[in-house]
Amino acid sequence: MITERYEKDGPDGLWGQTKSLHSMGYTLLAGQQPPSARRELFRITARAGGLLGYMAVNTGAFRLAEAYCAEALELSRAIGDLDTEMWACATQSFAAYYAGRYDEADARAAAAVDRAPDHPQAIRLLVNGRARALGKLGDRNQAERAIGRALELSDWHDVPVGLTSCISFLPYGRARTLANALTARVALQDTGHVLRDADDLDDPVEKSDSAWSRSLVRLDVATAVLQQRAPDVEHAMSLGQQALTLASPLPISSVRQRSRDLYERAAPWRSRSAVREYGEQLRVRGCQLPPAEAG
């Protein structure tokens, strides 16, 4: 399955196959099928479009992501497929977040949660959509409320304990939810909470097949280490270099963005060799630095 292979093959490796599936769906929909088969074709085509939208976010193609997600929403709504509809809404929020439109990311996720507050897909909408955007907006109370509600729903729906695939249509596993909460709390500079939660996440994240998650958690922890009253610059830069190495075979926009954010956070210590070495690794691995630092 595409969702199961995604974190090993990445968007570039699976784009062609997913695009073929999406096109085939439309070809078949031009014909005639029994109602049950036609409904399934709508669902498959909607999900293929949604996957293309998610992949587009991971490559930084945000307008393309919006187009595919809008299409997935239209198809899923036509057959009353709430599960796919909410997943597509969460991917729209995900795209807005990485495009830096945090108000929009929160608003899209909140509207979808209001549609079905107790639905298992609301877990992703709350923690990946609302909490992370609210963290960037500095709204600690609302971010923590969204995280708490996501964890309540996780218990209610008895989701897996481990780290589910980032692109899966299944509900977020608990470790995936906690990893997203970590990102929200980094933005809120809740350093103690981040470092405690990172210890709890260490086992499921390190045992997972997700190099991206291992990379992103390291980047979050590295940022938190710099936010401490007594920053450990060398440790933070070491974590940053580990993160770059882990993600280097299949770099995605979220890793690139957080890697650059970490370098910008380290600006007060730019004269230190550890920071200079990390900056050089960013250049080598194609992570564009701010113009003032790129020359």
Protein backbone atom coordinates (compact mmCIF):
# COMPACT_ATOMS: atom_id res chain seq x y z
CA MET A 1 0.00 0.00 0.00
CA ILE A 2 1.10 3.56 -0.71
CA THR A 3 0.51 4.71 2.88
CA GLU A 4 2.62 1.88 4.28
CA ARG A 5 5.52 2.54 1.88
CA TYR A 6 5.46 6.32 2.06
CA GLU A 7 8.09 6.90 4.74
CA LYS A 8 10.49 4.52 2.99
CA ASP A 9 10.00 5.67 -0.61
CA GLY A 10 8.97 9.30 -0.04
CA PRO A 11 6.89 11.60 -2.24
CA ASP A 12 9.24 11.39 -5.22
CA GLY A 13 9.26 7.61 -5.16
CA LEU A 14 5.48 7.23 -4.93
CA TRP A 15 4.16 10.24 -6.84
CA GLY A 16 3.94 8.43 -10.20
CA GLN A 17 2.11 5.41 -8.81
CA THR A 18 -0.32 7.57 -6.85
CA LYS A 19 -0.96 9.80 -9.88
CA SER A 20 -1.68 6.71 -12.00
CA LEU A 21 -4.17 5.45 -9.41
CA HIS A 22 -5.82 8.86 -9.31
CA SER A 23 -6.10 9.02 -13.12
CA MET A 24 -7.41 5.47 -13.33
CA GLY A 25 -10.13 6.36 -10.85
CA TYR A 26 -11.37 9.15 -13.10
CA THR A 27 -11.19 6.90 -16.15
CA LEU A 28 -13.37 4.30 -14.46
CA LEU A 29 -15.79 6.93 -13.13
CA ALA A 30 -16.48 7.92 -16.74
CA GLY A 31 -18.05 4.48 -17.23
CA GLN A 32 -21.01 2.77 -15.61
CA GLN A 33 -20.87 0.63 -12.47
CA PRO A 34 -23.30 -0.67 -9.86
CA PRO A 35 -23.92 1.90 -7.09
CA SER A 36 -21.76 0.10 -4.51
CA ALA A 37 -18.81 -0.14 -6.91
CA ARG A 38 -19.25 3.48 -7.95
CA ARG A 39 -19.20 4.62 -4.34
CA GLU A 40 -15.94 2.75 -3.77
CA LEU A 41 -14.44 4.35 -6.88
CA PHE A 42 -15.33 7.78 -5.52
CA ARG A 43 -13.65 6.89 -2.23
CA ILE A 44 -10.48 5.52 -3.86
CA THR A 45 -10.18 8.49 -6.21
CA ALA A 46 -10.73 10.95 -3.36
CA ARG A 47 -8.07 9.26 -1.25
CA ALA A 48 -5.59 9.13 -4.13
CA GLY A 49 -6.10 12.87 -4.62
CA GLY A 50 -5.69 13.43 -0.89
CA LEU A 51 -2.42 11.49 -0.90
CA LEU A 52 -1.16 13.61 -3.78
CA GLY A 53 -2.10 16.69 -1.75
CA TYR A 54 -0.15 15.44 1.26
CA MET A 55 2.87 14.63 -0.91
CA ALA A 56 2.70 18.10 -2.42
CA VAL A 57 2.95 19.63 1.07
CA ASN A 58 6.04 17.53 1.75
CA THR A 59 7.68 18.93 -1.39
CA GLY A 60 6.63 22.53 -0.63
CA ALA A 61 4.08 22.73 -3.48
CA PHE A 62 1.34 24.32 -1.38
CA ARG A 63 -0.95 25.51 -4.19
CA LEU A 64 -0.93 22.08 -5.75
CA ALA A 65 -1.70 20.58 -2.34
CA GLU A 66 -4.72 22.87 -1.97
CA ALA A 67 -6.06 21.86 -5.39
CA TYR A 68 -5.79 18.14 -4.70
CA CYS A 69 -7.31 18.47 -1.22
CA ALA A 70 -10.22 20.53 -2.53
CA GLU A 71 -10.90 17.81 -5.06
CA ALA A 72 -10.68 15.10 -2.40
CA LEU A 73 -13.20 17.03 -0.29
CA GLU A 74 -15.63 17.35 -3.19
CA LEU A 75 -15.50 13.64 -4.00
CA SER A 76 -15.76 12.49 -0.39
CA ARG A 77 -18.69 14.79 0.34
CA ALA A 78 -20.51 13.50 -2.75
CA ILE A 79 -20.72 10.06 -1.15
CA GLY A 80 -20.94 11.12 2.50
CA ASP A 81 -17.49 9.71 3.33
CA LEU A 82 -16.83 11.66 6.54
CA ASP A 83 -13.61 9.81 7.30
CA THR A 84 -11.93 10.89 4.05
CA GLU A 85 -13.47 14.37 4.26
CA MET A 86 -11.96 15.04 7.69
CA TRP A 87 -8.61 13.58 6.64
CA ALA A 88 -8.56 15.95 3.65
CA CYS A 89 -9.48 18.90 5.89
CA ALA A 90 -6.58 18.00 8.17
CA THR A 91 -4.25 17.95 5.17
CA GLN A 92 -5.47 21.41 4.15
CA SER A 93 -4.63 22.61 7.65
CA PHE A 94 -1.25 20.85 7.42
CA ALA A 95 -0.52 22.70 4.16
CA ALA A 96 -1.50 26.08 5.62
CA TYR A 97 0.74 25.44 8.64
CA TYR A 98 3.85 24.76 6.57
CA ALA A 99 3.03 27.70 4.32
CA GLY A 100 3.19 29.88 7.47
CA ARG A 101 -0.54 30.70 7.49
CA TYR A 102 -1.17 29.73 11.10
CA ASP A 103 -4.53 31.47 11.55
CA GLU A 104 -5.83 29.65 8.50
CA ALA A 105 -4.39 26.33 9.65
CA ASP A 106 -6.22 26.65 12.97
CA ALA A 107 -9.47 27.84 11.39
CA ARG A 108 -9.58 24.97 8.88
CA ALA A 109 -8.93 22.38 11.57
CA ALA A 110 -11.42 23.93 14.00
CA ALA A 111 -14.19 23.96 11.38
CA ALA A 112 -13.62 20.29 10.61
CA VAL A 113 -13.62 19.33 14.30
CA ASP A 114 -16.91 21.18 14.74
CA ARG A 115 -18.33 18.99 11.96
CA ALA A 116 -17.76 15.81 14.01
CA PRO A 117 -16.14 16.54 17.41
CA ASP A 118 -15.93 12.90 18.53
CA HIS A 119 -14.73 11.38 15.26
CA PRO A 120 -11.35 9.56 15.40
CA GLN A 121 -10.01 11.81 12.63
CA ALA A 122 -10.52 14.74 15.01
CA ILE A 123 -7.40 13.58 16.88
CA ARG A 124 -5.19 14.62 13.98
CA LEU A 125 -7.18 17.80 13.39
CA LEU A 126 -6.77 18.82 17.03
CA VAL A 127 -3.09 18.11 17.57
CA ASN A 128 -1.55 18.40 14.10
CA GLY A 129 -3.92 21.15 12.96
CA ARG A 130 -5.07 23.23 15.90
CA ALA A 131 -2.42 22.73 18.62
CA ARG A 132 0.62 23.32 16.42
CA ALA A 133 -0.91 26.39 14.76
CA LEU A 134 -2.03 27.78 18.12
CA GLY A 135 1.49 27.20 19.44
CA LYS A 136 2.89 29.33 16.63
CA LEU A 137 0.24 31.97 17.45
CA GLY A 138 1.26 31.94 21.12
CA ASP A 139 -2.14 30.83 22.42
CA ARG A 140 -1.03 28.52 25.22
CA ASN A 141 -4.45 27.89 26.76
CA GLN A 142 -6.16 26.92 23.52
CA ALA A 143 -3.19 24.83 22.37
CA GLU A 144 -3.17 22.85 25.62
CA ARG A 145 -6.93 22.42 25.41
CA ALA A 146 -6.59 20.98 21.90
CA ILE A 147 -3.82 18.61 23.02
CA GLY A 148 -5.89 17.46 26.02
CA ARG A 149 -8.94 16.80 23.85
CA ALA A 150 -6.84 14.87 21.32
CA LEU A 151 -5.54 12.63 24.10
CA GLU A 152 -9.07 12.13 25.46
CA LEU A 153 -10.22 10.99 22.02
CA SER A 154 -7.17 8.73 21.74
CA ASP A 155 -8.27 6.94 24.93
CA TRP A 156 -11.89 6.82 23.84
CA HIS A 157 -11.11 5.28 20.44
CA ASP A 158 -8.39 3.01 21.85
CA VAL A 159 -5.85 4.04 19.20
CA PRO A 160 -2.51 2.23 18.81
CA VAL A 161 0.17 3.16 21.33
CA GLY A 162 2.95 3.42 18.76
CA LEU A 163 3.92 5.79 16.00
CA THR A 164 1.45 5.39 13.15
CA SER A 165 2.40 6.42 9.61
CA CYS A 166 2.23 10.17 9.06
CA ILE A 167 0.15 9.74 5.89
CA SER A 168 -2.18 6.97 7.08
CA PHE A 169 -5.96 7.31 6.84
CA LEU A 170 -6.20 5.50 10.18
CA PRO A 171 -6.52 7.55 13.40
CA TYR A 172 -3.30 8.94 14.85
CA GLY A 173 -1.53 6.58 17.26
CA ARG A 174 -0.74 7.95 20.70
CA ALA A 175 2.98 8.42 20.01
CA ARG A 176 2.19 10.36 16.83
CA THR A 177 -0.15 12.60 18.83
CA LEU A 178 2.47 13.20 21.52
CA ALA A 179 5.11 14.02 18.90
CA ASN A 180 2.82 16.69 17.46
CA ALA A 181 2.12 18.04 20.95
CA LEU A 182 5.89 18.30 21.39
CA THR A 183 6.10 20.59 18.36
CA ALA A 184 3.30 22.80 19.68
CA ARG A 185 5.03 23.14 23.06
CA VAL A 186 8.36 24.00 21.44
CA ALA A 187 6.64 26.95 19.79
CA LEU A 188 5.25 27.95 23.19
CA GLN A 189 8.76 27.62 24.70
CA ASP A 190 7.46 25.18 27.31
CA THR A 191 10.95 23.76 27.57
CA GLY A 192 10.58 21.57 30.66
CA HIS A 193 7.46 19.91 29.29
CA VAL A 194 9.13 19.32 25.92
CA LEU A 195 12.19 17.64 27.41
CA ARG A 196 10.08 15.43 29.71
CA ASP A 197 7.80 14.39 26.88
CA ALA A 198 10.77 13.72 24.62
CA ASP A 199 12.08 11.20 27.15
CA ASP A 200 8.71 9.42 27.13
CA LEU A 201 8.68 9.40 23.31
CA ASP A 202 12.22 8.16 22.92
CA ASP A 203 11.40 4.44 22.88
CA PRO A 204 8.45 4.40 20.41
CA VAL A 205 10.10 6.93 18.10
CA GLU A 206 13.50 5.22 18.02
CA LYS A 207 11.88 1.81 17.44
CA SER A 208 9.74 3.09 14.58
CA ASP A 209 10.56 2.86 10.86
CA SER A 210 10.03 6.59 10.49
CA ALA A 211 13.35 8.36 9.90
CA TRP A 212 11.38 11.58 9.41
CA SER A 213 9.86 11.34 12.87
CA ARG A 214 13.22 10.57 14.47
CA SER A 215 14.63 13.58 12.65
CA LEU A 216 11.79 15.96 13.56
CA VAL A 217 11.77 14.97 17.24
CA ARG A 218 15.53 15.62 17.40
CA LEU A 219 15.01 19.05 15.86
CA ASP A 220 12.29 19.87 18.38
CA VAL A 221 14.46 18.73 21.28
CA ALA A 222 17.45 20.65 19.91
CA THR A 223 15.35 23.82 19.80
CA ALA A 224 14.16 23.23 23.37
CA VAL A 225 17.76 22.73 24.50
CA LEU A 226 18.55 26.20 23.13
CA GLN A 227 15.52 27.65 24.90
CA GLN A 228 16.76 26.58 28.34
CA ARG A 229 18.05 29.13 30.82
CA ALA A 230 21.48 27.58 30.33
CA PRO A 231 21.48 26.57 26.64
CA ASP A 232 23.66 23.63 25.64
CA VAL A 233 24.66 24.81 22.18
CA GLU A 234 26.96 21.92 21.34
CA HIS A 235 24.33 19.32 22.26
CA ALA A 236 21.66 21.16 20.27
CA MET A 237 23.85 21.31 17.17
CA SER A 238 24.77 17.64 17.55
CA LEU A 239 21.06 16.76 17.60
CA GLY A 240 20.55 18.98 14.57
CA GLN A 241 23.27 17.19 12.61
CA GLN A 242 21.81 13.82 13.58
CA ALA A 243 18.43 15.00 12.32
CA LEU A 244 19.89 16.09 8.98
CA THR A 245 21.65 12.74 8.55
CA LEU A 246 18.51 10.76 9.33
CA ALA A 247 16.39 12.67 6.81
CA SER A 248 19.04 13.06 4.11
CA PRO A 249 17.97 10.07 1.94
CA LEU A 250 14.42 11.50 1.58
CA PRO A 251 14.36 15.16 2.65
CA ILE A 252 10.92 16.74 3.07
CA SER A 253 9.80 20.34 3.58
CA SER A 254 9.03 19.94 7.30
CA VAL A 255 12.57 18.74 8.05
CA ARG A 256 14.08 21.51 5.91
CA GLN A 257 11.98 24.17 7.62
CA ARG A 258 12.69 23.05 11.17
CA SER A 259 16.38 22.61 10.37
CA ARG A 260 16.55 26.22 9.21
CA ASP A 261 14.52 27.34 12.25
CA LEU A 262 17.07 25.68 14.53
CA TYR A 263 19.92 27.49 12.79
CA GLU A 264 18.14 30.82 13.16
CA ARG A 265 17.52 30.06 16.86
CA ALA A 266 21.28 29.50 17.23
CA ALA A 267 22.08 32.97 15.85
CA PRO A 268 23.46 34.33 19.17
CA TRP A 269 26.14 31.61 19.08
CA ARG A 270 26.97 31.83 15.37
CA SER A 271 30.68 32.28 16.17
CA ARG A 272 30.90 28.83 17.79
CA SER A 273 32.36 26.04 15.71
CA ALA A 274 29.40 23.71 16.41
CA VAL A 275 26.96 26.24 14.93
CA ARG A 276 29.20 26.93 11.94
CA GLU A 277 29.49 23.20 11.27
CA TYR A 278 25.73 22.79 11.49
CA GLY A 279 25.24 25.69 9.07
CA GLU A 280 27.65 24.06 6.65
CA GLN A 281 25.69 20.82 6.85
CA LEU A 282 22.53 22.74 5.97
CA ARG A 283 24.24 24.09 2.86
CA VAL A 284 25.64 20.70 1.87
CA ARG A 285 22.24 19.06 2.21
CA GLY A 286 20.47 21.75 0.22
CA CYS A 287 18.55 23.42 3.03
CA GLN A 288 18.42 27.05 1.92
CA LEU A 289 19.58 29.50 4.58
CA PRO A 290 18.29 33.03 5.06
CA PRO A 291 19.86 35.40 2.44
CA ALA A 292 22.16 37.07 4.99
CA GLU A 293 23.68 33.69 5.86
CA ALA A 294 23.79 32.12 2.41
CA GLY A 295 26.68 34.01 0.92
